[in-house]
Amino acid sequence: MTLAAQAIETVIRLRAPLDLRQTLGPLLRGSGDPTMRFEPDGTVWRATRTPAGPATLRLRRHGTEVRGVAWGPGAADALDTLPDLLGEEDRPEFLVAHHRLVAELARRLPGMRLPRTHRPFEALLPSILEQKVTNTEAWRGYRGLLRRVSEPAPGPMALLLPASPEAVAALPYFALHPFGIERRRADLLRRAAGVAPRLELDERDAAYARLRAIPGIGPWTVAEVGRVTYGDPDAVSVGDFHLPSLVAWCLARDRRADDARMLELLEPYRGQRGRVQRLLELSGLRPPRHGPRLAPRHFEAS
């Protein structure tokens, strides 16, 4: 690592192909996410909180290398865990394809890896906001919450840090109403913030158990957190509005399905079901429209 202009830099020599957008895309919460940015030239910016303090990362891939530059008190920590963020410990070769489409997607998307951020609360907060609402609603609430409780990230890019658990826990539930966050999700955010310090210290299985013990957190939220925090290749989002039909259409040409049918189709991939989910999401395929999309709610009626 070298010190330059208050920035710390490192170079990761990749062991396999890497697509930064496909790998880190699940961390982005909409095009207006104030904690992260994808540049047209492939550069990725990401603000985070580490045990040593806040940090901002700038990532650029050059052939078989990724150059990472970090700013802030947590810069060294952010660079120390950069290989995990890039999925260097992920093992996509463990996937055994049982469908021609899955084999084709794995061949066509060799740079898609599952990241490990090691920051469960950074994934948990937006995942709670995405419960049972449209992405548009959830991302609007996420941006509003960050503008209320967060602070600028270090470094040259105008980003905000992810919300700290302490700041979220201190908010009364009604402070979140202007952002379209009703009392149920507001109270759940505050409960989750209360366990965040212990959650940050847990290994994966202990973290899952702690999350499941929180009323209001079910398998969908646990999977959304686990796939990006721990790089869990088997974390499948049971309870998703669209996913069962996507899986069923891609793997069996069923136009519509429920969670039970989705899990039946994914059973041959046990251990790698989350990876298959991600490949199918990147496929561009969608089942034929058969009814209205999930519509945004009017907050006053919630």
C-alpha atoms as a PDB file:
ATOM      1  CA  MET A   1       0.000   0.000   0.000  1.00  0.00           C
ATOM      2  CA  THR A   2       1.151   3.559  -0.674  1.00  0.00           C
ATOM      3  CA  LEU A   3       0.159   6.842   0.929  1.00  0.00           C
ATOM      4  CA  ALA A   4      -0.683   9.619  -1.529  1.00  0.00           C
ATOM      5  CA  ALA A   5      -2.637  12.843  -0.998  1.00  0.00           C
ATOM      6  CA  GLN A   6      -4.285  11.511   2.186  1.00  0.00           C
ATOM      7  CA  ALA A   7      -5.401   8.424   0.311  1.00  0.00           C
ATOM      8  CA  ILE A   8      -4.282   4.822   0.741  1.00  0.00           C
ATOM      9  CA  GLU A   9      -3.965   2.645  -2.328  1.00  0.00           C
ATOM     10  CA  THR A  10      -3.666  -1.061  -3.030  1.00  0.00           C
ATOM     11  CA  VAL A  11      -3.776  -3.361  -6.033  1.00  0.00           C
ATOM     12  CA  ILE A  12      -5.604  -6.694  -6.029  1.00  0.00           C
ATOM     13  CA  ARG A  13      -4.418  -9.227  -8.595  1.00  0.00           C
ATOM     14  CA  LEU A  14      -7.513 -11.146  -9.564  1.00  0.00           C
ATOM     15  CA  ARG A  15      -7.527 -14.929  -9.561  1.00  0.00           C
ATOM     16  CA  ALA A  16     -10.444 -15.099 -12.014  1.00  0.00           C
ATOM     17  CA  PRO A  17     -12.578 -12.813 -14.238  1.00  0.00           C
ATOM     18  CA  LEU A  18     -14.437 -10.055 -12.415  1.00  0.00           C
ATOM     19  CA  ASP A  19     -17.250  -7.766 -13.488  1.00  0.00           C
ATOM     20  CA  LEU A  20     -17.472  -4.960 -10.932  1.00  0.00           C
ATOM     21  CA  ARG A  21     -21.012  -3.929 -11.852  1.00  0.00           C
ATOM     22  CA  GLN A  22     -22.425  -7.449 -11.780  1.00  0.00           C
ATOM     23  CA  THR A  23     -20.658  -8.224  -8.501  1.00  0.00           C
ATOM     24  CA  LEU A  24     -21.308  -4.990  -6.616  1.00  0.00           C
ATOM     25  CA  GLY A  25     -24.635  -4.118  -8.248  1.00  0.00           C
ATOM     26  CA  PRO A  26     -26.710  -5.668  -5.421  1.00  0.00           C
ATOM     27  CA  LEU A  27     -25.173  -3.124  -3.019  1.00  0.00           C
ATOM     28  CA  LEU A  28     -26.629  -0.190  -4.993  1.00  0.00           C
ATOM     29  CA  ARG A  29     -30.096   0.925  -3.866  1.00  0.00           C
ATOM     30  CA  GLY A  30     -31.389   2.633  -6.968  1.00  0.00           C
ATOM     31  CA  SER A  31     -29.670   5.072  -9.312  1.00  0.00           C
ATOM     32  CA  GLY A  32     -29.887   7.823  -6.687  1.00  0.00           C
ATOM     33  CA  ASP A  33     -28.196   5.870  -3.886  1.00  0.00           C
ATOM     34  CA  PRO A  34     -26.114   8.547  -2.121  1.00  0.00           C
ATOM     35  CA  THR A  35     -23.659   5.991  -0.669  1.00  0.00           C
ATOM     36  CA  MET A  36     -22.504   4.505  -3.965  1.00  0.00           C
ATOM     37  CA  ARG A  37     -21.876   5.415  -7.579  1.00  0.00           C
ATOM     38  CA  PHE A  38     -21.057   3.580 -10.799  1.00  0.00           C
ATOM     39  CA  GLU A  39     -19.248   5.767 -13.323  1.00  0.00           C
ATOM     40  CA  PRO A  40     -19.620   5.291 -17.120  1.00  0.00           C
ATOM     41  CA  ASP A  41     -15.922   4.376 -17.341  1.00  0.00           C
ATOM     42  CA  GLY A  42     -16.413   1.444 -14.944  1.00  0.00           C
ATOM     43  CA  THR A  43     -15.154   3.186 -11.804  1.00  0.00           C
ATOM     44  CA  VAL A  44     -17.077   2.291  -8.636  1.00  0.00           C
ATOM     45  CA  TRP A  45     -17.312   4.545  -5.576  1.00  0.00           C
ATOM     46  CA  ARG A  46     -18.586   3.204  -2.270  1.00  0.00           C
ATOM     47  CA  ALA A  47     -18.914   4.789   1.175  1.00  0.00           C
ATOM     48  CA  THR A  48     -18.895   2.518   4.212  1.00  0.00           C
ATOM     49  CA  ARG A  49     -18.359   2.421   7.962  1.00  0.00           C
ATOM     50  CA  THR A  50     -15.598   0.187   9.300  1.00  0.00           C
ATOM     51  CA  PRO A  51     -14.614  -0.663  12.890  1.00  0.00           C
ATOM     52  CA  ALA A  52     -11.874   1.990  12.539  1.00  0.00           C
ATOM     53  CA  GLY A  53     -14.218   4.679  11.183  1.00  0.00           C
ATOM     54  CA  PRO A  54     -15.784   5.883   7.937  1.00  0.00           C
ATOM     55  CA  ALA A  55     -14.169   5.293   4.561  1.00  0.00           C
ATOM     56  CA  THR A  56     -14.732   5.884   0.873  1.00  0.00           C
ATOM     57  CA  LEU A  57     -13.491   3.412  -1.739  1.00  0.00           C
ATOM     58  CA  ARG A  58     -12.743   4.047  -5.398  1.00  0.00           C
ATOM     59  CA  LEU A  59     -12.355   0.905  -7.462  1.00  0.00           C
ATOM     60  CA  ARG A  60     -11.119   0.530 -11.029  1.00  0.00           C
ATOM     61  CA  ARG A  61     -10.372  -2.682 -12.874  1.00  0.00           C
ATOM     62  CA  HIS A  62      -7.398  -2.766 -15.208  1.00  0.00           C
ATOM     63  CA  GLY A  63      -7.178  -6.110 -16.954  1.00  0.00           C
ATOM     64  CA  THR A  64      -6.491  -8.737 -14.304  1.00  0.00           C
ATOM     65  CA  GLU A  65      -6.063  -6.193 -11.498  1.00  0.00           C
ATOM     66  CA  VAL A  66      -8.318  -3.960  -9.436  1.00  0.00           C
ATOM     67  CA  ARG A  67      -6.817  -0.755  -8.095  1.00  0.00           C
ATOM     68  CA  GLY A  68      -8.442   0.396  -4.883  1.00  0.00           C
ATOM     69  CA  VAL A  69      -8.016   3.845  -3.355  1.00  0.00           C
ATOM     70  CA  ALA A  70      -9.526   4.673   0.036  1.00  0.00           C
ATOM     71  CA  TRP A  71      -9.988   7.821   2.102  1.00  0.00           C
ATOM     72  CA  GLY A  72     -10.925   8.373   5.732  1.00  0.00           C
ATOM     73  CA  PRO A  73     -10.130   6.920   9.164  1.00  0.00           C
ATOM     74  CA  GLY A  74     -11.353   3.500   8.011  1.00  0.00           C
ATOM     75  CA  ALA A  75      -9.341   3.481   4.775  1.00  0.00           C
ATOM     76  CA  ALA A  76      -6.923   0.745   5.852  1.00  0.00           C
ATOM     77  CA  ASP A  77      -9.763  -1.454   7.104  1.00  0.00           C
ATOM     78  CA  ALA A  78     -11.682  -0.970   3.854  1.00  0.00           C
ATOM     79  CA  LEU A  79      -8.680  -2.007   1.780  1.00  0.00           C
ATOM     80  CA  ASP A  80      -7.899  -4.960   4.040  1.00  0.00           C
ATOM     81  CA  THR A  81     -11.329  -6.419   3.277  1.00  0.00           C
ATOM     82  CA  LEU A  82     -11.305  -5.426  -0.400  1.00  0.00           C
ATOM     83  CA  PRO A  83     -10.597  -8.977  -1.650  1.00  0.00           C
ATOM     84  CA  ASP A  84     -13.757 -10.149   0.129  1.00  0.00           C
ATOM     85  CA  LEU A  85     -15.765  -7.264  -1.337  1.00  0.00           C
ATOM     86  CA  LEU A  86     -14.596  -8.313  -4.804  1.00  0.00           C
ATOM     87  CA  GLY A  87     -15.592 -11.921  -4.199  1.00  0.00           C
ATOM     88  CA  GLU A  88     -12.052 -13.266  -4.297  1.00  0.00           C
ATOM     89  CA  GLU A  89     -13.070 -16.042  -1.883  1.00  0.00           C
ATOM     90  CA  ASP A  90     -16.284 -16.786  -3.775  1.00  0.00           C
ATOM     91  CA  ARG A  91     -16.308 -20.116  -5.579  1.00  0.00           C
ATOM     92  CA  PRO A  92     -18.646 -19.986  -8.600  1.00  0.00           C
ATOM     93  CA  GLU A  93     -17.022 -23.174  -9.885  1.00  0.00           C
ATOM     94  CA  PHE A  94     -18.907 -25.071  -7.169  1.00  0.00           C
ATOM     95  CA  LEU A  95     -22.136 -24.528  -9.118  1.00  0.00           C
ATOM     96  CA  VAL A  96     -23.218 -27.668 -10.989  1.00  0.00           C
ATOM     97  CA  ALA A  97     -25.764 -26.753 -13.635  1.00  0.00           C
ATOM     98  CA  HIS A  98     -28.874 -28.920 -13.937  1.00  0.00           C
ATOM     99  CA  HIS A  99     -30.506 -26.737 -16.586  1.00  0.00           C
ATOM    100  CA  ARG A 100     -29.149 -25.634 -19.929  1.00  0.00           C
ATOM    101  CA  LEU A 101     -29.996 -22.007 -19.156  1.00  0.00           C
ATOM    102  CA  VAL A 102     -28.065 -22.036 -15.871  1.00  0.00           C
ATOM    103  CA  ALA A 103     -25.041 -23.532 -17.614  1.00  0.00           C
ATOM    104  CA  GLU A 104     -25.254 -20.883 -20.329  1.00  0.00           C
ATOM    105  CA  LEU A 105     -25.559 -18.035 -17.815  1.00  0.00           C
ATOM    106  CA  ALA A 106     -22.600 -19.299 -15.799  1.00  0.00           C
ATOM    107  CA  ARG A 107     -20.570 -19.435 -19.014  1.00  0.00           C
ATOM    108  CA  ARG A 108     -21.747 -16.024 -20.203  1.00  0.00           C
ATOM    109  CA  LEU A 109     -21.306 -14.242 -16.856  1.00  0.00           C
ATOM    110  CA  PRO A 110     -17.949 -15.487 -15.547  1.00  0.00           C
ATOM    111  CA  GLY A 111     -17.241 -12.173 -13.798  1.00  0.00           C
ATOM    112  CA  MET A 112     -20.312 -12.301 -11.533  1.00  0.00           C
ATOM    113  CA  ARG A 113     -19.220 -13.076  -7.986  1.00  0.00           C
ATOM    114  CA  LEU A 114     -20.920 -12.855  -4.619  1.00  0.00           C
ATOM    115  CA  PRO A 115     -19.359 -10.096  -2.480  1.00  0.00           C
ATOM    116  CA  ARG A 116     -18.729 -10.141   1.259  1.00  0.00           C
ATOM    117  CA  THR A 117     -19.033  -6.693   2.800  1.00  0.00           C
ATOM    118  CA  HIS A 118     -18.803  -7.762   6.488  1.00  0.00           C
ATOM    119  CA  ARG A 119     -21.222  -4.887   7.250  1.00  0.00           C
ATOM    120  CA  PRO A 120     -24.594  -6.476   8.098  1.00  0.00           C
ATOM    121  CA  PHE A 121     -26.377  -3.305   9.217  1.00  0.00           C
ATOM    122  CA  GLU A 122     -25.517  -1.572   5.940  1.00  0.00           C
ATOM    123  CA  ALA A 123     -27.473  -4.304   4.153  1.00  0.00           C
ATOM    124  CA  LEU A 124     -30.148  -4.742   6.809  1.00  0.00           C
ATOM    125  CA  LEU A 125     -31.383  -1.151   6.875  1.00  0.00           C
ATOM    126  CA  PRO A 126     -32.302  -0.856   3.169  1.00  0.00           C
ATOM    127  CA  SER A 127     -33.606  -4.435   3.141  1.00  0.00           C
ATOM    128  CA  ILE A 128     -36.089  -3.550   5.885  1.00  0.00           C
ATOM    129  CA  LEU A 129     -37.145  -0.488   3.904  1.00  0.00           C
ATOM    130  CA  GLU A 130     -37.768  -2.732   0.880  1.00  0.00           C
ATOM    131  CA  GLN A 131     -40.172  -5.018   2.747  1.00  0.00           C
ATOM    132  CA  LYS A 132     -43.575  -5.218   1.041  1.00  0.00           C
ATOM    133  CA  VAL A 133     -43.229  -1.986  -0.938  1.00  0.00           C
ATOM    134  CA  THR A 134     -42.048  -1.066  -4.414  1.00  0.00           C
ATOM    135  CA  ASN A 135     -38.389  -0.314  -4.997  1.00  0.00           C
ATOM    136  CA  THR A 136     -39.328   3.265  -5.846  1.00  0.00           C
ATOM    137  CA  GLU A 137     -40.903   3.755  -2.409  1.00  0.00           C
ATOM    138  CA  ALA A 138     -38.102   1.985  -0.584  1.00  0.00           C
ATOM    139  CA  TRP A 139     -35.309   3.903  -2.285  1.00  0.00           C
ATOM    140  CA  ARG A 140     -37.061   7.225  -1.730  1.00  0.00           C
ATOM    141  CA  GLY A 141     -37.305   6.416   1.965  1.00  0.00           C
ATOM    142  CA  TYR A 142     -33.670   5.317   2.059  1.00  0.00           C
ATOM    143  CA  ARG A 143     -32.448   8.578   0.530  1.00  0.00           C
ATOM    144  CA  GLY A 144     -34.619  10.625   2.877  1.00  0.00           C
ATOM    145  CA  LEU A 145     -33.413   8.748   5.939  1.00  0.00           C
ATOM    146  CA  LEU A 146     -29.758   9.208   4.981  1.00  0.00           C
ATOM    147  CA  ARG A 147     -30.222  12.913   4.390  1.00  0.00           C
ATOM    148  CA  ARG A 148     -31.728  13.140   7.883  1.00  0.00           C
ATOM    149  CA  VAL A 149     -29.192  11.152   9.930  1.00  0.00           C
ATOM    150  CA  SER A 150     -25.997  10.650   7.937  1.00  0.00           C
ATOM    151  CA  GLU A 151     -22.943  12.774   7.192  1.00  0.00           C
ATOM    152  CA  PRO A 152     -20.673  13.306   4.174  1.00  0.00           C
ATOM    153  CA  ALA A 153     -18.262  10.499   3.396  1.00  0.00           C
ATOM    154  CA  PRO A 154     -14.514  11.231   3.331  1.00  0.00           C
ATOM    155  CA  GLY A 155     -12.705  11.715   0.039  1.00  0.00           C
ATOM    156  CA  PRO A 156     -13.262  13.674  -3.160  1.00  0.00           C
ATOM    157  CA  MET A 157     -16.636  12.211  -4.214  1.00  0.00           C
ATOM    158  CA  ALA A 158     -19.833  13.761  -2.839  1.00  0.00           C
ATOM    159  CA  LEU A 159     -21.264  10.677  -1.129  1.00  0.00           C
ATOM    160  CA  LEU A 160     -23.075  10.122   2.150  1.00  0.00           C
ATOM    161  CA  LEU A 161     -22.082   7.480   4.649  1.00  0.00           C
ATOM    162  CA  PRO A 162     -24.523   4.663   5.406  1.00  0.00           C
ATOM    163  CA  ALA A 163     -26.644   5.456   8.451  1.00  0.00           C
ATOM    164  CA  SER A 164     -25.095   4.481  11.754  1.00  0.00           C
ATOM    165  CA  PRO A 165     -27.106   2.200  14.076  1.00  0.00           C
ATOM    166  CA  GLU A 166     -26.846   4.801  16.843  1.00  0.00           C
ATOM    167  CA  ALA A 167     -28.420   7.514  14.714  1.00  0.00           C
ATOM    168  CA  VAL A 168     -31.268   5.252  13.583  1.00  0.00           C
ATOM    169  CA  ALA A 169     -31.970   3.959  17.090  1.00  0.00           C
ATOM    170  CA  ALA A 170     -32.253   7.529  18.399  1.00  0.00           C
ATOM    171  CA  LEU A 171     -34.990   8.517  15.933  1.00  0.00           C
ATOM    172  CA  PRO A 172     -38.620   8.537  17.076  1.00  0.00           C
ATOM    173  CA  TYR A 173     -40.811   6.596  14.661  1.00  0.00           C
ATOM    174  CA  PHE A 174     -42.710   9.699  13.551  1.00  0.00           C
ATOM    175  CA  ALA A 175     -39.480  11.293  12.293  1.00  0.00           C
ATOM    176  CA  LEU A 176     -39.539   8.760   9.452  1.00  0.00           C
ATOM    177  CA  HIS A 177     -43.090   9.551   8.292  1.00  0.00           C
ATOM    178  CA  PRO A 178     -41.991  12.328   5.894  1.00  0.00           C
ATOM    179  CA  PHE A 179     -39.945   9.731   4.006  1.00  0.00           C
ATOM    180  CA  GLY A 180     -42.902   7.395   3.475  1.00  0.00           C
ATOM    181  CA  ILE A 181     -41.827   4.969   6.203  1.00  0.00           C
ATOM    182  CA  GLU A 182     -44.793   3.820   8.259  1.00  0.00           C
ATOM    183  CA  ARG A 183     -44.617   2.909  11.932  1.00  0.00           C
ATOM    184  CA  ARG A 184     -44.152  -0.853  11.397  1.00  0.00           C
ATOM    185  CA  ARG A 185     -40.952  -0.462   9.379  1.00  0.00           C
ATOM    186  CA  ALA A 186     -39.799   2.498  11.479  1.00  0.00           C
ATOM    187  CA  ASP A 187     -40.067   0.473  14.686  1.00  0.00           C
ATOM    188  CA  LEU A 188     -38.356  -2.478  13.004  1.00  0.00           C
ATOM    189  CA  LEU A 189     -35.467  -0.260  11.911  1.00  0.00           C
ATOM    190  CA  ARG A 190     -35.008   0.921  15.472  1.00  0.00           C
ATOM    191  CA  ARG A 191     -35.103  -2.648  16.855  1.00  0.00           C
ATOM    192  CA  ALA A 192     -32.554  -3.754  14.260  1.00  0.00           C
ATOM    193  CA  ALA A 193     -30.319  -0.802  15.089  1.00  0.00           C
ATOM    194  CA  GLY A 194     -30.385  -1.855  18.727  1.00  0.00           C
ATOM    195  CA  VAL A 195     -28.858  -5.277  17.975  1.00  0.00           C
ATOM    196  CA  ALA A 196     -26.467  -4.020  15.285  1.00  0.00           C
ATOM    197  CA  PRO A 197     -23.368  -3.798  17.528  1.00  0.00           C
ATOM    198  CA  ARG A 198     -23.677  -7.484  18.443  1.00  0.00           C
ATOM    199  CA  LEU A 199     -24.639  -8.404  14.878  1.00  0.00           C
ATOM    200  CA  GLU A 200     -21.403  -6.896  13.576  1.00  0.00           C
ATOM    201  CA  LEU A 201     -19.428  -9.323  15.761  1.00  0.00           C
ATOM    202  CA  ASP A 202     -21.375 -12.474  14.838  1.00  0.00           C
ATOM    203  CA  GLU A 203     -20.270 -15.138  12.400  1.00  0.00           C
ATOM    204  CA  ARG A 204     -22.774 -15.927   9.663  1.00  0.00           C
ATOM    205  CA  ASP A 205     -24.887 -18.599  11.364  1.00  0.00           C
ATOM    206  CA  ALA A 206     -25.025 -16.669  14.640  1.00  0.00           C
ATOM    207  CA  ALA A 207     -26.008 -13.531  12.720  1.00  0.00           C
ATOM    208  CA  TYR A 208     -28.806 -15.401  10.968  1.00  0.00           C
ATOM    209  CA  ALA A 209     -30.118 -16.639  14.306  1.00  0.00           C
ATOM    210  CA  ARG A 210     -29.974 -13.142  15.776  1.00  0.00           C
ATOM    211  CA  LEU A 211     -31.799 -11.690  12.773  1.00  0.00           C
ATOM    212  CA  ARG A 212     -34.541 -14.341  12.849  1.00  0.00           C
ATOM    213  CA  ALA A 213     -35.143 -13.560  16.521  1.00  0.00           C
ATOM    214  CA  ILE A 214     -36.193  -9.996  15.646  1.00  0.00           C
ATOM    215  CA  PRO A 215     -39.981  -9.795  15.141  1.00  0.00           C
ATOM    216  CA  GLY A 216     -40.624  -8.553  11.615  1.00  0.00           C
ATOM    217  CA  ILE A 217     -37.532 -10.072  10.025  1.00  0.00           C
ATOM    218  CA  GLY A 218     -38.217 -13.181   7.975  1.00  0.00           C
ATOM    219  CA  PRO A 219     -36.417 -15.352   5.431  1.00  0.00           C
ATOM    220  CA  TRP A 220     -36.521 -12.733   2.668  1.00  0.00           C
ATOM    221  CA  THR A 221     -34.674 -10.124   4.723  1.00  0.00           C
ATOM    222  CA  VAL A 222     -32.194 -12.680   6.092  1.00  0.00           C
ATOM    223  CA  ALA A 223     -31.349 -13.819   2.547  1.00  0.00           C
ATOM    224  CA  GLU A 224     -30.984 -10.264   1.248  1.00  0.00           C
ATOM    225  CA  VAL A 225     -28.531  -9.526   4.048  1.00  0.00           C
ATOM    226  CA  GLY A 226     -26.701 -12.846   3.864  1.00  0.00           C
ATOM    227  CA  ARG A 227     -26.010 -12.853   0.144  1.00  0.00           C
ATOM    228  CA  VAL A 228     -24.035  -9.589   0.244  1.00  0.00           C
ATOM    229  CA  THR A 229     -22.736  -9.499   3.825  1.00  0.00           C
ATOM    230  CA  TYR A 230     -21.408 -13.043   3.969  1.00  0.00           C
ATOM    231  CA  GLY A 231     -21.351 -13.998   0.294  1.00  0.00           C
ATOM    232  CA  ASP A 232     -23.780 -16.820   1.092  1.00  0.00           C
ATOM    233  CA  PRO A 233     -24.291 -18.730  -2.178  1.00  0.00           C
ATOM    234  CA  ASP A 234     -27.383 -20.509  -0.836  1.00  0.00           C
ATOM    235  CA  ALA A 235     -29.259 -17.391   0.352  1.00  0.00           C
ATOM    236  CA  VAL A 236     -32.461 -17.474  -1.688  1.00  0.00           C
ATOM    237  CA  SER A 237     -35.031 -14.716  -1.164  1.00  0.00           C
ATOM    238  CA  VAL A 238     -38.127 -16.613  -0.077  1.00  0.00           C
ATOM    239  CA  GLY A 239     -41.074 -14.229   0.089  1.00  0.00           C
ATOM    240  CA  ASP A 240     -40.100 -12.050  -2.869  1.00  0.00           C
ATOM    241  CA  PHE A 241     -42.963 -10.676  -4.985  1.00  0.00           C
ATOM    242  CA  HIS A 242     -41.400 -11.404  -8.393  1.00  0.00           C
ATOM    243  CA  LEU A 243     -38.719 -14.050  -7.844  1.00  0.00           C
ATOM    244  CA  PRO A 244     -40.803 -17.269  -7.770  1.00  0.00           C
ATOM    245  CA  SER A 245     -42.311 -16.558 -11.172  1.00  0.00           C
ATOM    246  CA  LEU A 246     -38.921 -15.561 -12.590  1.00  0.00           C
ATOM    247  CA  VAL A 247     -37.349 -18.821 -11.401  1.00  0.00           C
ATOM    248  CA  ALA A 248     -40.280 -20.896 -12.592  1.00  0.00           C
ATOM    249  CA  TRP A 249     -40.313 -19.238 -16.015  1.00  0.00           C
ATOM    250  CA  CYS A 250     -36.581 -19.595 -16.530  1.00  0.00           C
ATOM    251  CA  LEU A 251     -36.285 -23.184 -15.303  1.00  0.00           C
ATOM    252  CA  ALA A 252     -39.655 -24.723 -16.208  1.00  0.00           C
ATOM    253  CA  ARG A 253     -41.509 -22.212 -18.409  1.00  0.00           C
ATOM    254  CA  ASP A 254     -44.215 -21.882 -15.764  1.00  0.00           C
ATOM    255  CA  ARG A 255     -45.808 -18.461 -16.110  1.00  0.00           C
ATOM    256  CA  ARG A 256     -46.569 -18.121 -12.432  1.00  0.00           C
ATOM    257  CA  ALA A 257     -45.335 -19.789  -9.259  1.00  0.00           C
ATOM    258  CA  ASP A 258     -45.255 -19.492  -5.488  1.00  0.00           C
ATOM    259  CA  ASP A 259     -42.376 -19.968  -3.068  1.00  0.00           C
ATOM    260  CA  ALA A 260     -43.003 -23.706  -2.770  1.00  0.00           C
ATOM    261  CA  ARG A 261     -42.677 -24.197  -6.526  1.00  0.00           C
ATOM    262  CA  MET A 262     -39.580 -21.993  -6.641  1.00  0.00           C
ATOM    263  CA  LEU A 263     -37.887 -23.996  -3.892  1.00  0.00           C
ATOM    264  CA  GLU A 264     -38.827 -27.241  -5.624  1.00  0.00           C
ATOM    265  CA  LEU A 265     -37.132 -26.068  -8.820  1.00  0.00           C
ATOM    266  CA  LEU A 266     -34.073 -24.816  -6.952  1.00  0.00           C
ATOM    267  CA  GLU A 267     -33.662 -27.922  -4.798  1.00  0.00           C
ATOM    268  CA  PRO A 268     -31.062 -29.514  -7.140  1.00  0.00           C
ATOM    269  CA  TYR A 269     -28.943 -26.413  -6.501  1.00  0.00           C
ATOM    270  CA  ARG A 270     -29.068 -26.578  -2.689  1.00  0.00           C
ATOM    271  CA  GLY A 271     -25.922 -24.913  -1.444  1.00  0.00           C
ATOM    272  CA  GLN A 272     -25.876 -22.661  -4.525  1.00  0.00           C
ATOM    273  CA  ARG A 273     -29.488 -21.473  -4.745  1.00  0.00           C
ATOM    274  CA  GLY A 274     -28.589 -17.832  -4.078  1.00  0.00           C
ATOM    275  CA  ARG A 275     -26.059 -17.893  -6.899  1.00  0.00           C
ATOM    276  CA  VAL A 276     -28.658 -19.301  -9.280  1.00  0.00           C
ATOM    277  CA  GLN A 277     -31.058 -16.563  -8.175  1.00  0.00           C
ATOM    278  CA  ARG A 278     -28.475 -13.910  -9.013  1.00  0.00           C
ATOM    279  CA  LEU A 279     -27.694 -15.461 -12.411  1.00  0.00           C
ATOM    280  CA  LEU A 280     -31.376 -15.553 -13.316  1.00  0.00           C
ATOM    281  CA  GLU A 281     -31.819 -11.934 -12.208  1.00  0.00           C
ATOM    282  CA  LEU A 282     -28.987 -10.964 -14.569  1.00  0.00           C
ATOM    283  CA  SER A 283     -30.356 -13.041 -17.445  1.00  0.00           C
ATOM    284  CA  GLY A 284     -32.702 -10.318 -18.685  1.00  0.00           C
ATOM    285  CA  LEU A 285     -35.490 -12.896 -18.942  1.00  0.00           C
ATOM    286  CA  ARG A 286     -38.891 -12.163 -17.434  1.00  0.00           C
ATOM    287  CA  PRO A 287     -42.123 -14.159 -17.391  1.00  0.00           C
ATOM    288  CA  PRO A 288     -44.960 -12.839 -19.580  1.00  0.00           C
ATOM    289  CA  ARG A 289     -47.007 -10.147 -17.903  1.00  0.00           C
ATOM    290  CA  HIS A 290     -50.193 -11.670 -16.521  1.00  0.00           C
ATOM    291  CA  GLY A 291     -51.550  -8.937 -14.310  1.00  0.00           C
ATOM    292  CA  PRO A 292     -50.868  -5.592 -12.672  1.00  0.00           C
ATOM    293  CA  ARG A 293     -47.501  -4.882 -11.133  1.00  0.00           C
ATOM    294  CA  LEU A 294     -47.206  -4.215  -7.423  1.00  0.00           C
ATOM    295  CA  ALA A 295     -48.381  -0.620  -7.197  1.00  0.00           C
ATOM    296  CA  PRO A 296     -46.944   2.039  -4.889  1.00  0.00           C
ATOM    297  CA  ARG A 297     -49.110   2.572  -1.842  1.00  0.00           C
ATOM    298  CA  HIS A 298     -50.495   5.855  -0.613  1.00  0.00           C
ATOM    299  CA  PHE A 299     -48.729   6.296   2.709  1.00  0.00           C
ATOM    300  CA  GLU A 300     -51.758   7.957   4.296  1.00  0.00           C
ATOM    301  CA  ALA A 301     -53.667   4.691   3.892  1.00  0.00           C
ATOM    302  CA  SER A 302     -50.954   2.408   5.321  1.00  0.00           C
END
